[in-house]
């Protein structure tokens, strides 16, 4: 019995470490380097897809978006295969990959803001929640034309979507965990939203306010 418990703990540890390392892969940084650009010197300096888009290369931004969302989904799927689709292990892998994206060891723990990785992990671990969060993003973006507001609304409602669709407890905890970290990483965006200074989707790019550049999504 003790050996089984030890093996389970070891497996969860490997899932967590593997998920974190996978999530730490900076796809935004790597995709921009295809064009010889260090994304950390562009716009806000963030490594997310939105900042990659500021280079004028939509193809590289799309590559970053796919990579950042895909790594979260891959972490969940690998954990599922390794543990016979155990919700706890899959949620642990998802949370670790998400944390790796926000705080990558390779970049001195300075990573993205998590929205793309949130969607990737959630669609993989609980697709109804990911789908409802995606619809929320689209609706809020359509109504208000503010990308950061759409992302914040989507992650804020995700725990309620998880409860409403009767997801396993680890998935509910995961949704809360990711929502808290997304709000933490978007604190400057929230400050601009409260001041009415957050740029709108497709709007004219005004000079950044004194409290720092904008980076709505990552």
N, C-alpha and C. Protein backbone atom coordinates (compact mmCIF):
# COMPACT_ATOMS: atom_id res chain seq x y z
N UNK A 1 0.82 -1.21 0.00
CA UNK A 1 0.00 0.00 0.00
C UNK A 1 0.86 1.26 0.00
N UNK A 2 1.92 1.23 0.86
CA UNK A 2 2.81 2.38 0.92
C UNK A 2 3.54 2.58 -0.41
N UNK A 3 3.90 1.47 -1.06
CA UNK A 3 4.59 1.58 -2.34
C UNK A 3 3.69 2.18 -3.41
N UNK A 4 2.40 1.84 -3.36
CA UNK A 4 1.45 2.40 -4.32
C UNK A 4 1.28 3.90 -4.09
N UNK A 5 1.20 4.28 -2.81
CA UNK A 5 1.07 5.69 -2.47
C UNK A 5 2.31 6.46 -2.90
N UNK A 6 3.47 5.86 -2.69
CA UNK A 6 4.71 6.52 -3.10
C UNK A 6 4.80 6.67 -4.60
N UNK A 7 4.35 5.64 -5.32
CA UNK A 7 4.36 5.73 -6.78
C UNK A 7 3.41 6.81 -7.28
N UNK A 8 2.27 6.95 -6.60
CA UNK A 8 1.29 7.97 -6.99
C UNK A 8 1.87 9.37 -6.77
N UNK A 9 2.53 9.55 -5.62
CA UNK A 9 3.14 10.86 -5.33
C UNK A 9 4.24 11.18 -6.35
N UNK A 10 5.04 10.17 -6.66
CA UNK A 10 6.11 10.36 -7.64
C UNK A 10 5.53 10.73 -9.00
N UNK A 11 4.47 10.06 -9.40
CA UNK A 11 3.84 10.35 -10.68
C UNK A 11 3.30 11.78 -10.72
N UNK A 12 2.65 12.20 -9.64
CA UNK A 12 2.13 13.57 -9.58
C UNK A 12 3.26 14.59 -9.62
N UNK A 13 4.37 14.24 -8.97
CA UNK A 13 5.53 15.14 -9.01
C UNK A 13 6.09 15.29 -10.40
N UNK A 14 6.19 14.17 -11.11
CA UNK A 14 6.69 14.21 -12.49
C UNK A 14 5.74 14.98 -13.40
N UNK A 15 4.44 14.80 -13.18
CA UNK A 15 3.44 15.51 -13.96
C UNK A 15 3.56 17.03 -13.74
N UNK A 16 3.76 17.41 -12.49
CA UNK A 16 3.87 18.83 -12.17
C UNK A 16 5.14 19.45 -12.77
N UNK A 17 6.26 18.74 -12.60
CA UNK A 17 7.53 19.26 -13.14
C UNK A 17 7.49 19.31 -14.66
N UNK A 18 7.00 18.24 -15.27
CA UNK A 18 6.91 18.21 -16.73
C UNK A 18 5.99 19.28 -17.26
N UNK A 19 4.85 19.48 -16.59
CA UNK A 19 3.92 20.51 -17.01
C UNK A 19 4.53 21.90 -16.91
N UNK A 20 5.25 22.15 -15.82
CA UNK A 20 5.88 23.46 -15.66
C UNK A 20 6.92 23.72 -16.74
N UNK A 21 7.77 22.74 -16.99
CA UNK A 21 8.82 22.92 -18.00
C UNK A 21 8.22 23.11 -19.39
N UNK A 22 7.15 22.38 -19.68
CA UNK A 22 6.48 22.55 -20.97
C UNK A 22 5.85 23.94 -21.07
N UNK A 23 5.20 24.37 -20.00
CA UNK A 23 4.60 25.68 -20.00
C UNK A 23 5.61 26.81 -20.07
N UNK A 24 6.83 26.53 -19.64
CA UNK A 24 7.88 27.57 -19.64
C UNK A 24 8.46 27.85 -21.03
N UNK A 25 8.13 27.03 -22.01
CA UNK A 25 8.66 27.27 -23.36
C UNK A 25 8.09 28.60 -23.88
N UNK A 26 8.91 29.60 -24.16
CA UNK A 26 8.43 30.92 -24.55
C UNK A 26 8.16 31.03 -26.05
N UNK A 27 7.00 30.57 -26.47
CA UNK A 27 6.70 30.54 -27.89
C UNK A 27 6.66 31.94 -28.51
N UNK A 28 6.26 32.94 -27.75
CA UNK A 28 6.26 34.30 -28.28
C UNK A 28 7.67 34.77 -28.60
N UNK A 29 8.58 34.50 -27.68
CA UNK A 29 9.97 34.87 -27.88
C UNK A 29 10.57 34.11 -29.06
N UNK A 30 10.29 32.82 -29.12
CA UNK A 30 10.86 31.99 -30.18
C UNK A 30 10.29 32.34 -31.56
N UNK A 31 8.99 32.60 -31.63
CA UNK A 31 8.39 32.94 -32.92
C UNK A 31 8.91 34.27 -33.44
N UNK A 32 9.10 35.25 -32.56
CA UNK A 32 9.62 36.54 -33.00
C UNK A 32 11.06 36.43 -33.48
N UNK A 33 11.79 35.50 -32.93
CA UNK A 33 13.19 35.33 -33.35
C UNK A 33 13.30 34.81 -34.77
N UNK A 34 12.23 34.23 -35.29
CA UNK A 34 12.23 33.81 -36.69
C UNK A 34 12.49 35.01 -37.60
N UNK A 35 11.97 36.16 -37.17
CA UNK A 35 12.16 37.40 -37.94
C UNK A 35 13.34 38.20 -37.41
N UNK A 36 14.14 37.60 -36.54
CA UNK A 36 15.31 38.30 -35.99
C UNK A 36 14.94 39.36 -34.98
N UNK A 37 13.80 39.22 -34.31
CA UNK A 37 13.32 40.22 -33.37
C UNK A 37 13.35 39.67 -31.95
N UNK A 38 13.87 40.45 -31.03
CA UNK A 38 13.78 40.12 -29.62
C UNK A 38 12.52 40.79 -29.10
N UNK A 39 11.45 40.01 -28.88
CA UNK A 39 10.16 40.58 -28.52
C UNK A 39 10.21 41.37 -27.22
N UNK A 40 11.22 41.11 -26.41
CA UNK A 40 11.34 41.83 -25.14
C UNK A 40 11.73 43.28 -25.34
N UNK A 41 12.13 43.64 -26.57
CA UNK A 41 12.48 45.03 -26.88
C UNK A 41 11.38 45.73 -27.67
N UNK A 42 10.25 45.07 -27.84
CA UNK A 42 9.14 45.61 -28.64
C UNK A 42 7.95 45.91 -27.74
N UNK A 43 7.29 47.05 -27.97
CA UNK A 43 6.06 47.37 -27.26
C UNK A 43 6.22 47.30 -25.75
N UNK A 44 5.41 46.44 -25.12
CA UNK A 44 5.43 46.30 -23.67
C UNK A 44 6.58 45.45 -23.18
N UNK A 45 7.23 44.71 -24.09
CA UNK A 45 8.29 43.80 -23.70
C UNK A 45 7.78 42.45 -23.26
N UNK A 46 6.45 42.26 -23.26
CA UNK A 46 5.86 41.00 -22.87
C UNK A 46 6.08 39.95 -23.95
N UNK A 47 6.12 38.68 -23.57
CA UNK A 47 6.41 37.62 -24.54
C UNK A 47 5.15 36.98 -25.12
N UNK A 48 3.99 37.56 -24.82
CA UNK A 48 2.74 36.98 -25.32
C UNK A 48 2.45 37.31 -26.77
N UNK A 49 1.41 36.66 -27.30
CA UNK A 49 1.06 36.81 -28.71
C UNK A 49 0.65 38.23 -29.08
N UNK A 50 -0.01 38.93 -28.14
CA UNK A 50 -0.43 40.30 -28.44
C UNK A 50 0.76 41.20 -28.71
N UNK A 51 1.81 41.03 -27.94
CA UNK A 51 2.99 41.87 -28.17
C UNK A 51 3.71 41.46 -29.44
N UNK A 52 3.69 40.17 -29.76
CA UNK A 52 4.27 39.71 -31.03
C UNK A 52 3.54 40.36 -32.20
N UNK A 53 2.24 40.55 -32.05
CA UNK A 53 1.44 41.19 -33.10
C UNK A 53 1.91 42.62 -33.35
N UNK A 54 2.47 43.26 -32.35
CA UNK A 54 2.95 44.63 -32.49
C UNK A 54 4.16 44.73 -33.42
N UNK A 55 4.75 43.59 -33.75
CA UNK A 55 5.85 43.61 -34.71
C UNK A 55 5.33 43.77 -36.13
N UNK A 56 4.02 43.64 -36.31
CA UNK A 56 3.43 43.72 -37.65
C UNK A 56 3.37 42.38 -38.35
N UNK A 57 3.80 41.32 -37.69
CA UNK A 57 3.81 39.98 -38.28
C UNK A 57 2.66 39.16 -37.69
N UNK A 58 1.54 39.15 -38.38
CA UNK A 58 0.39 38.39 -37.90
C UNK A 58 0.67 36.89 -37.90
N UNK A 59 1.50 36.44 -38.83
CA UNK A 59 1.81 35.01 -38.87
C UNK A 59 2.59 34.57 -37.64
N UNK A 60 3.51 35.41 -37.20
CA UNK A 60 4.29 35.08 -36.01
C UNK A 60 3.43 35.17 -34.76
N UNK A 61 2.52 36.14 -34.74
CA UNK A 61 1.60 36.26 -33.59
C UNK A 61 0.70 35.03 -33.51
N UNK A 62 0.24 34.56 -34.67
CA UNK A 62 -0.60 33.35 -34.69
C UNK A 62 0.19 32.14 -34.21
N UNK A 63 1.45 32.07 -34.59
CA UNK A 63 2.31 30.97 -34.16
C UNK A 63 2.50 31.00 -32.64
N UNK A 64 2.69 32.20 -32.11
CA UNK A 64 2.84 32.33 -30.66
C UNK A 64 1.56 31.95 -29.94
N UNK A 65 0.42 32.36 -30.49
CA UNK A 65 -0.87 32.05 -29.88
C UNK A 65 -1.12 30.53 -29.87
N UNK A 66 -0.83 29.90 -30.98
CA UNK A 66 -1.02 28.44 -31.07
C UNK A 66 -0.08 27.72 -30.10
N UNK A 67 1.16 28.19 -30.05
CA UNK A 67 2.13 27.56 -29.16
C UNK A 67 1.77 27.72 -27.69
N UNK A 68 1.37 28.93 -27.31
CA UNK A 68 1.06 29.19 -25.91
C UNK A 68 -0.20 28.45 -25.45
N UNK A 69 -1.19 28.35 -26.31
CA UNK A 69 -2.39 27.60 -25.95
C UNK A 69 -2.14 26.10 -26.08
N UNK A 70 -1.40 25.71 -27.11
CA UNK A 70 -1.15 24.30 -27.35
C UNK A 70 -0.33 23.63 -26.26
N UNK A 71 0.62 24.36 -25.68
CA UNK A 71 1.46 23.73 -24.66
C UNK A 71 0.64 23.40 -23.41
N UNK A 72 -0.34 24.24 -23.11
CA UNK A 72 -1.21 23.94 -21.99
C UNK A 72 -2.05 22.71 -22.25
N UNK A 73 -2.61 22.64 -23.46
CA UNK A 73 -3.41 21.48 -23.83
C UNK A 73 -2.57 20.21 -23.84
N UNK A 74 -1.35 20.30 -24.36
CA UNK A 74 -0.47 19.14 -24.43
C UNK A 74 -0.12 18.62 -23.03
N UNK A 75 0.13 19.54 -22.11
CA UNK A 75 0.45 19.13 -20.73
C UNK A 75 -0.70 18.33 -20.13
N UNK A 76 -1.93 18.78 -20.38
CA UNK A 76 -3.10 18.08 -19.85
C UNK A 76 -3.23 16.69 -20.48
N UNK A 77 -3.08 16.62 -21.79
CA UNK A 77 -3.24 15.36 -22.49
C UNK A 77 -2.16 14.35 -22.10
N UNK A 78 -0.94 14.80 -21.97
CA UNK A 78 0.14 13.90 -21.56
C UNK A 78 -0.09 13.37 -20.15
N UNK A 79 -0.54 14.25 -19.27
CA UNK A 79 -0.83 13.81 -17.90
C UNK A 79 -1.98 12.81 -17.90
N UNK A 80 -2.97 13.05 -18.74
CA UNK A 80 -4.08 12.11 -18.84
C UNK A 80 -3.64 10.74 -19.31
N UNK A 81 -2.80 10.72 -20.31
CA UNK A 81 -2.31 9.44 -20.83
C UNK A 81 -1.46 8.71 -19.78
N UNK A 82 -0.68 9.47 -19.03
CA UNK A 82 0.23 8.88 -18.05
C UNK A 82 -0.51 8.34 -16.84
N UNK A 83 -1.64 8.95 -16.49
CA UNK A 83 -2.34 8.59 -15.24
C UNK A 83 -3.74 8.04 -15.48
N UNK A 84 -4.00 7.59 -16.70
CA UNK A 84 -5.31 7.01 -17.03
C UNK A 84 -6.43 8.03 -16.81
N UNK A 85 -6.17 9.28 -17.20
CA UNK A 85 -7.16 10.36 -17.20
C UNK A 85 -7.68 10.68 -15.80
N UNK A 86 -6.75 10.76 -14.87
CA UNK A 86 -7.09 11.14 -13.50
C UNK A 86 -7.28 12.65 -13.42
N UNK A 87 -8.44 13.16 -13.00
CA UNK A 87 -8.69 14.60 -12.97
C UNK A 87 -7.67 15.39 -12.16
N UNK A 88 -7.26 14.84 -11.01
CA UNK A 88 -6.29 15.54 -10.17
C UNK A 88 -4.97 15.73 -10.90
N UNK A 89 -4.47 14.68 -11.52
CA UNK A 89 -3.20 14.77 -12.24
C UNK A 89 -3.29 15.71 -13.42
N UNK A 90 -4.40 15.67 -14.14
CA UNK A 90 -4.58 16.54 -15.29
C UNK A 90 -4.68 18.00 -14.86
N UNK A 91 -5.38 18.25 -13.77
CA UNK A 91 -5.49 19.62 -13.26
C UNK A 91 -4.14 20.12 -12.75
N UNK A 92 -3.38 19.23 -12.13
CA UNK A 92 -2.05 19.60 -11.64
C UNK A 92 -1.14 19.95 -12.81
N UNK A 93 -1.18 19.16 -13.87
CA UNK A 93 -0.37 19.44 -15.05
C UNK A 93 -0.79 20.76 -15.68
N UNK A 94 -2.09 21.00 -15.75
CA UNK A 94 -2.60 22.25 -16.33
C UNK A 94 -2.13 23.45 -15.52
N UNK A 95 -2.27 23.37 -14.20
CA UNK A 95 -1.84 24.47 -13.35
C UNK A 95 -0.34 24.71 -13.42
N UNK A 96 0.43 23.62 -13.52
CA UNK A 96 1.88 23.75 -13.62
C UNK A 96 2.28 24.39 -14.94
N UNK A 97 1.64 23.97 -16.04
CA UNK A 97 1.95 24.56 -17.34
C UNK A 97 1.58 26.03 -17.38
N UNK A 98 0.46 26.35 -16.79
CA UNK A 98 0.01 27.75 -16.72
C UNK A 98 0.99 28.59 -15.91
N UNK A 99 1.43 28.05 -14.78
CA UNK A 99 2.42 28.75 -13.96
C UNK A 99 3.73 28.91 -14.71
N UNK A 100 4.12 27.89 -15.46
CA UNK A 100 5.34 27.98 -16.24
C UNK A 100 5.28 29.08 -17.28
N UNK A 101 4.11 29.27 -17.89
CA UNK A 101 3.98 30.34 -18.87
C UNK A 101 4.12 31.71 -18.22
N UNK A 102 3.52 31.88 -17.05
CA UNK A 102 3.59 33.17 -16.37
C UNK A 102 4.95 33.43 -15.76
N UNK A 103 5.59 32.36 -15.27
CA UNK A 103 6.87 32.52 -14.57
C UNK A 103 7.88 31.50 -15.10
N UNK A 104 8.34 31.66 -16.35
CA UNK A 104 9.26 30.68 -16.96
C UNK A 104 10.67 30.75 -16.37
N UNK A 105 11.19 29.60 -16.02
CA UNK A 105 12.51 29.57 -15.42
C UNK A 105 13.57 30.06 -16.39
N UNK A 106 13.35 29.86 -17.70
CA UNK A 106 14.35 30.24 -18.70
C UNK A 106 14.48 31.76 -18.85
N UNK A 107 13.45 32.51 -18.44
CA UNK A 107 13.44 33.97 -18.63
C UNK A 107 13.40 34.71 -17.31
N UNK A 108 14.04 34.14 -16.31
CA UNK A 108 14.09 34.75 -14.98
C UNK A 108 12.70 35.00 -14.43
N UNK A 109 11.78 34.11 -14.75
CA UNK A 109 10.41 34.11 -14.24
C UNK A 109 9.57 35.30 -14.71
N UNK A 110 9.97 35.85 -15.85
CA UNK A 110 9.21 36.96 -16.44
C UNK A 110 8.53 36.47 -17.72
N UNK A 111 7.28 36.06 -17.59
CA UNK A 111 6.57 35.45 -18.71
C UNK A 111 5.37 36.24 -19.18
N UNK A 112 4.41 35.52 -19.77
CA UNK A 112 3.22 36.16 -20.33
C UNK A 112 2.14 36.38 -19.30
N UNK A 113 0.94 36.70 -19.78
CA UNK A 113 -0.16 37.04 -18.88
C UNK A 113 -1.21 35.94 -18.78
N UNK A 114 -1.08 34.89 -19.58
CA UNK A 114 -1.79 33.67 -19.30
C UNK A 114 -3.10 33.38 -19.99
N UNK A 115 -3.68 34.33 -20.74
CA UNK A 115 -5.01 34.10 -21.29
C UNK A 115 -5.00 32.98 -22.33
N UNK A 116 -4.04 32.99 -23.23
CA UNK A 116 -3.98 31.96 -24.26
C UNK A 116 -3.75 30.59 -23.64
N UNK A 117 -2.86 30.50 -22.68
CA UNK A 117 -2.59 29.21 -22.02
C UNK A 117 -3.79 28.77 -21.19
N UNK A 118 -4.50 29.71 -20.61
CA UNK A 118 -5.74 29.39 -19.91
C UNK A 118 -6.73 28.69 -20.83
N UNK A 119 -6.93 29.24 -22.02
CA UNK A 119 -7.87 28.64 -22.95
C UNK A 119 -7.41 27.25 -23.40
N UNK A 120 -6.13 27.11 -23.66
CA UNK A 120 -5.62 25.81 -24.10
C UNK A 120 -5.81 24.73 -23.05
N UNK A 121 -5.45 25.04 -21.81
CA UNK A 121 -5.58 24.05 -20.75
C UNK A 121 -7.05 23.74 -20.46
N UNK A 122 -7.89 24.77 -20.45
CA UNK A 122 -9.29 24.55 -20.11
C UNK A 122 -10.03 23.76 -21.20
N UNK A 123 -9.73 24.05 -22.44
CA UNK A 123 -10.36 23.29 -23.52
C UNK A 123 -9.96 21.83 -23.47
N UNK A 124 -8.73 21.56 -23.03
CA UNK A 124 -8.26 20.18 -22.97
C UNK A 124 -8.81 19.43 -21.77
N UNK A 125 -8.94 20.09 -20.63
CA UNK A 125 -9.35 19.39 -19.42
C UNK A 125 -10.86 19.39 -19.23
N UNK A 126 -11.53 20.42 -19.75
CA UNK A 126 -13.00 20.52 -19.60
C UNK A 126 -13.52 21.39 -20.74
N UNK A 127 -13.71 20.79 -21.91
CA UNK A 127 -14.04 21.58 -23.09
C UNK A 127 -15.32 22.41 -22.95
N UNK A 128 -16.35 21.96 -22.20
CA UNK A 128 -17.52 22.85 -22.06
C UNK A 128 -17.17 24.17 -21.38
N UNK A 129 -16.29 24.11 -20.39
CA UNK A 129 -15.87 25.33 -19.70
C UNK A 129 -15.05 26.21 -20.64
N UNK A 130 -14.12 25.60 -21.36
CA UNK A 130 -13.32 26.36 -22.33
C UNK A 130 -14.18 26.99 -23.40
N UNK A 131 -15.19 26.25 -23.85
CA UNK A 131 -16.08 26.76 -24.89
C UNK A 131 -16.91 27.94 -24.38
N UNK A 132 -17.46 27.80 -23.18
CA UNK A 132 -18.24 28.89 -22.60
C UNK A 132 -17.38 30.12 -22.33
N UNK A 133 -16.15 29.89 -21.88
CA UNK A 133 -15.22 31.00 -21.66
C UNK A 133 -14.88 31.69 -22.98
N UNK A 134 -14.74 30.90 -24.05
CA UNK A 134 -14.47 31.48 -25.36
C UNK A 134 -15.62 32.32 -25.86
N UNK A 135 -16.84 31.83 -25.65
CA UNK A 135 -18.02 32.60 -26.05
C UNK A 135 -18.08 33.91 -25.26
N UNK A 136 -17.74 33.83 -23.97
CA UNK A 136 -17.70 35.04 -23.14
C UNK A 136 -16.71 36.04 -23.69
N UNK A 137 -15.53 35.55 -24.05
CA UNK A 137 -14.50 36.44 -24.60
C UNK A 137 -15.01 37.14 -25.85
N UNK A 138 -15.60 36.38 -26.75
CA UNK A 138 -16.09 36.95 -28.00
C UNK A 138 -17.20 37.97 -27.75
N UNK A 139 -18.11 37.66 -26.83
CA UNK A 139 -19.23 38.56 -26.56
C UNK A 139 -18.76 39.87 -25.95
N UNK A 140 -17.89 39.78 -24.95
CA UNK A 140 -17.39 40.99 -24.30
C UNK A 140 -16.52 41.81 -25.26
N UNK A 141 -15.70 41.13 -26.06
CA UNK A 141 -14.87 41.82 -27.04
C UNK A 141 -15.73 42.53 -28.07
N UNK A 142 -16.83 41.90 -28.49
CA UNK A 142 -17.73 42.50 -29.47
C UNK A 142 -18.44 43.73 -28.89
N UNK A 143 -18.85 43.63 -27.63
CA UNK A 143 -19.62 44.71 -27.01
C UNK A 143 -18.74 45.91 -26.63
N UNK A 144 -17.54 45.61 -26.10
CA UNK A 144 -16.71 46.69 -25.54
C UNK A 144 -15.44 46.96 -26.33
N UNK A 145 -15.07 46.06 -27.22
CA UNK A 145 -13.87 46.23 -28.06
C UNK A 145 -12.60 46.41 -27.23
N UNK A 146 -12.53 45.72 -26.09
CA UNK A 146 -11.34 45.80 -25.24
C UNK A 146 -10.88 44.37 -24.95
N UNK A 147 -9.72 44.00 -25.44
CA UNK A 147 -9.23 42.64 -25.35
C UNK A 147 -8.99 42.20 -23.90
N UNK A 148 -8.38 43.07 -23.11
CA UNK A 148 -8.08 42.70 -21.72
C UNK A 148 -9.36 42.46 -20.93
N UNK A 149 -10.37 43.30 -21.14
CA UNK A 149 -11.64 43.14 -20.45
C UNK A 149 -12.30 41.82 -20.82
N UNK A 150 -12.20 41.46 -22.08
CA UNK A 150 -12.77 40.19 -22.54
C UNK A 150 -12.08 39.01 -21.87
N UNK A 151 -10.76 39.06 -21.79
CA UNK A 151 -10.01 37.98 -21.15
C UNK A 151 -10.32 37.88 -19.67
N UNK A 152 -10.39 39.01 -19.01
CA UNK A 152 -10.68 39.02 -17.57
C UNK A 152 -12.08 38.48 -17.30
N UNK A 153 -13.03 38.85 -18.13
CA UNK A 153 -14.40 38.35 -17.95
C UNK A 153 -14.45 36.84 -18.16
N UNK A 154 -13.73 36.36 -19.16
CA UNK A 154 -13.74 34.92 -19.46
C UNK A 154 -13.17 34.11 -18.30
N UNK A 155 -12.03 34.54 -17.77
CA UNK A 155 -11.42 33.76 -16.68
C UNK A 155 -12.20 33.91 -15.39
N UNK A 156 -12.81 35.07 -15.17
CA UNK A 156 -13.59 35.28 -13.95
C UNK A 156 -14.81 34.37 -13.90
N UNK A 157 -15.42 34.12 -15.04
CA UNK A 157 -16.62 33.29 -15.09
C UNK A 157 -16.31 31.80 -15.20
N UNK A 158 -15.07 31.46 -15.53
CA UNK A 158 -14.71 30.06 -15.72
C UNK A 158 -15.04 29.17 -14.51
N UNK A 159 -14.74 29.60 -13.27
CA UNK A 159 -15.09 28.74 -12.13
C UNK A 159 -16.59 28.46 -12.04
N UNK A 160 -17.40 29.46 -12.37
CA UNK A 160 -18.85 29.28 -12.33
C UNK A 160 -19.31 28.36 -13.45
N UNK A 161 -18.64 28.47 -14.60
CA UNK A 161 -18.96 27.54 -15.69
C UNK A 161 -18.60 26.11 -15.29
N UNK A 162 -17.48 25.97 -14.56
CA UNK A 162 -17.06 24.64 -14.12
C UNK A 162 -18.08 24.04 -13.14
N UNK A 163 -18.58 24.87 -12.25
CA UNK A 163 -19.59 24.40 -11.30
C UNK A 163 -20.90 24.07 -12.02
N UNK A 164 -21.29 24.94 -12.95
CA UNK A 164 -22.56 24.75 -13.65
C UNK A 164 -22.56 23.50 -14.51
N UNK A 165 -21.39 23.13 -15.04
CA UNK A 165 -21.30 21.93 -15.88
C UNK A 165 -20.85 20.70 -15.09
N UNK A 166 -20.83 20.86 -13.75
CA UNK A 166 -20.53 19.74 -12.84
C UNK A 166 -19.19 19.08 -13.14
N UNK A 167 -18.17 19.92 -13.25
CA UNK A 167 -16.82 19.41 -13.46
C UNK A 167 -16.26 18.86 -12.15
N UNK A 168 -15.27 17.95 -12.23
CA UNK A 168 -14.64 17.43 -11.02
C UNK A 168 -14.04 18.56 -10.18
N UNK A 169 -13.97 18.34 -8.89
CA UNK A 169 -13.46 19.37 -7.98
C UNK A 169 -12.09 19.92 -8.39
N UNK A 170 -11.13 19.08 -8.81
CA UNK A 170 -9.83 19.64 -9.22
C UNK A 170 -9.94 20.64 -10.36
N UNK A 171 -10.90 20.47 -11.25
CA UNK A 171 -11.07 21.40 -12.37
C UNK A 171 -11.60 22.75 -11.87
N UNK A 172 -12.50 22.70 -10.90
CA UNK A 172 -13.02 23.94 -10.31
C UNK A 172 -11.90 24.72 -9.62
N UNK A 173 -11.09 24.00 -8.86
CA UNK A 173 -9.95 24.64 -8.18
C UNK A 173 -8.98 25.21 -9.20
N UNK A 174 -8.73 24.47 -10.27
CA UNK A 174 -7.85 24.95 -11.33
C UNK A 174 -8.37 26.24 -11.94
N UNK A 175 -9.67 26.30 -12.21
CA UNK A 175 -10.26 27.50 -12.80
C UNK A 175 -10.09 28.71 -11.88
N UNK A 176 -10.28 28.50 -10.59
CA UNK A 176 -10.10 29.59 -9.62
C UNK A 176 -8.63 30.02 -9.58
N UNK A 177 -7.74 29.05 -9.54
CA UNK A 177 -6.30 29.32 -9.49
C UNK A 177 -5.85 30.15 -10.69
N UNK A 178 -6.27 29.75 -11.89
CA UNK A 178 -5.86 30.48 -13.09
C UNK A 178 -6.49 31.87 -13.13
N UNK A 179 -7.73 32.00 -12.69
CA UNK A 179 -8.39 33.30 -12.68
C UNK A 179 -7.65 34.29 -11.78
N UNK A 180 -7.26 33.81 -10.60
CA UNK A 180 -6.54 34.68 -9.65
C UNK A 180 -5.23 35.16 -10.26
N UNK A 181 -4.48 34.25 -10.88
CA UNK A 181 -3.19 34.63 -11.46
C UNK A 181 -3.35 35.54 -12.68
N UNK A 182 -4.37 35.30 -13.49
CA UNK A 182 -4.61 36.18 -14.64
C UNK A 182 -4.92 37.59 -14.16
N UNK A 183 -5.76 37.71 -13.14
CA UNK A 183 -6.06 39.04 -12.61
C UNK A 183 -4.81 39.69 -12.03
N UNK A 184 -3.97 38.91 -11.37
CA UNK A 184 -2.73 39.45 -10.82
C UNK A 184 -1.82 39.96 -11.93
N UNK A 185 -1.68 39.21 -13.00
CA UNK A 185 -0.80 39.60 -14.10
C UNK A 185 -1.39 40.75 -14.91
N UNK A 186 -2.69 40.98 -14.80
CA UNK A 186 -3.34 42.07 -15.54
C UNK A 186 -3.62 43.29 -14.66
N UNK A 187 -2.93 43.40 -13.55
CA UNK A 187 -3.25 44.49 -12.63
C UNK A 187 -3.03 45.87 -13.25
N UNK A 188 -2.04 46.01 -14.13
CA UNK A 188 -1.84 47.30 -14.80
C UNK A 188 -2.96 47.57 -15.80
N UNK A 189 -3.40 46.51 -16.48
CA UNK A 189 -4.52 46.66 -17.40
C UNK A 189 -5.79 47.06 -16.65
N UNK A 190 -5.99 46.46 -15.48
CA UNK A 190 -7.16 46.78 -14.67
C UNK A 190 -7.13 48.25 -14.25
N UNK A 191 -5.94 48.72 -13.88
CA UNK A 191 -5.81 50.13 -13.50
C UNK A 191 -6.18 51.04 -14.67
N UNK A 192 -5.76 50.67 -15.89
CA UNK A 192 -6.11 51.49 -17.06
C UNK A 192 -7.59 51.39 -17.39
N UNK A 193 -8.16 50.20 -17.19
CA UNK A 193 -9.60 50.04 -17.42
C UNK A 193 -10.39 50.98 -16.51
N UNK A 194 -9.98 51.06 -15.26
CA UNK A 194 -10.68 51.92 -14.30
C UNK A 194 -10.54 53.39 -14.66
N UNK A 195 -9.44 53.73 -15.33
CA UNK A 195 -9.21 55.12 -15.75
C UNK A 195 -9.77 55.41 -17.15
N UNK A 196 -10.27 54.35 -17.82
CA UNK A 196 -10.76 54.52 -19.18
C UNK A 196 -9.65 54.72 -20.19
N UNK A 197 -8.47 54.19 -19.89
CA UNK A 197 -7.30 54.40 -20.75
C UNK A 197 -6.87 53.15 -21.51
N UNK A 198 -7.58 52.03 -21.35
CA UNK A 198 -7.17 50.80 -22.02
C UNK A 198 -7.52 50.87 -23.50
N UNK A 199 -6.55 50.58 -24.38
CA UNK A 199 -6.81 50.64 -25.83
C UNK A 199 -7.90 49.67 -26.26
N UNK A 200 -8.62 50.06 -27.30
CA UNK A 200 -9.68 49.22 -27.85
C UNK A 200 -9.16 48.42 -29.04
N UNK A 201 -9.79 47.30 -29.28
CA UNK A 201 -9.42 46.45 -30.40
C UNK A 201 -9.64 47.22 -31.71
N UNK A 202 -8.60 47.31 -32.52
CA UNK A 202 -8.71 47.99 -33.79
C UNK A 202 -8.68 49.50 -33.69
N UNK A 203 -8.52 50.01 -32.47
CA UNK A 203 -8.50 51.46 -32.28
C UNK A 203 -7.14 52.05 -32.55
N UNK A 204 -7.09 53.36 -32.57
CA UNK A 204 -5.84 54.08 -32.79
C UNK A 204 -4.94 53.88 -31.59
N UNK A 205 -3.70 53.58 -31.85
CA UNK A 205 -2.74 53.35 -30.79
C UNK A 205 -2.27 54.68 -30.22
N UNK A 206 -2.76 55.02 -29.02
CA UNK A 206 -2.32 56.24 -28.36
C UNK A 206 -1.02 55.98 -27.63
N UNK A 207 -0.27 57.07 -27.31
CA UNK A 207 0.94 56.87 -26.52
C UNK A 207 0.58 56.23 -25.19
N UNK A 208 1.41 55.32 -24.71
CA UNK A 208 1.10 54.65 -23.46
C UNK A 208 1.04 55.61 -22.30
N UNK A 209 0.14 55.42 -21.33
CA UNK A 209 0.07 56.28 -20.17
C UNK A 209 1.31 56.15 -19.30
N UNK A 210 1.38 57.04 -18.31
CA UNK A 210 2.59 57.12 -17.49
C UNK A 210 2.83 55.86 -16.68
N UNK A 211 1.74 55.10 -16.39
CA UNK A 211 1.93 53.94 -15.53
C UNK A 211 2.38 52.71 -16.28
N UNK A 212 2.69 52.85 -17.56
CA UNK A 212 3.27 51.73 -18.28
C UNK A 212 2.54 51.39 -19.54
N UNK A 213 3.15 50.60 -20.45
CA UNK A 213 2.56 50.22 -21.70
C UNK A 213 1.47 49.19 -21.52
N UNK A 214 0.63 49.06 -22.52
CA UNK A 214 -0.47 48.10 -22.44
C UNK A 214 -0.04 46.75 -23.00
N UNK A 215 -0.59 45.73 -22.39
CA UNK A 215 -0.39 44.37 -22.92
C UNK A 215 -1.59 43.56 -22.49
N UNK A 216 -2.64 43.61 -23.29
CA UNK A 216 -3.92 43.08 -22.88
C UNK A 216 -3.95 41.58 -22.77
N UNK A 217 -3.30 40.89 -23.67
CA UNK A 217 -3.39 39.44 -23.67
C UNK A 217 -2.00 38.83 -23.78
N UNK A 218 -1.91 37.59 -23.41
CA UNK A 218 -0.66 36.87 -23.54
C UNK A 218 -0.97 35.42 -23.75
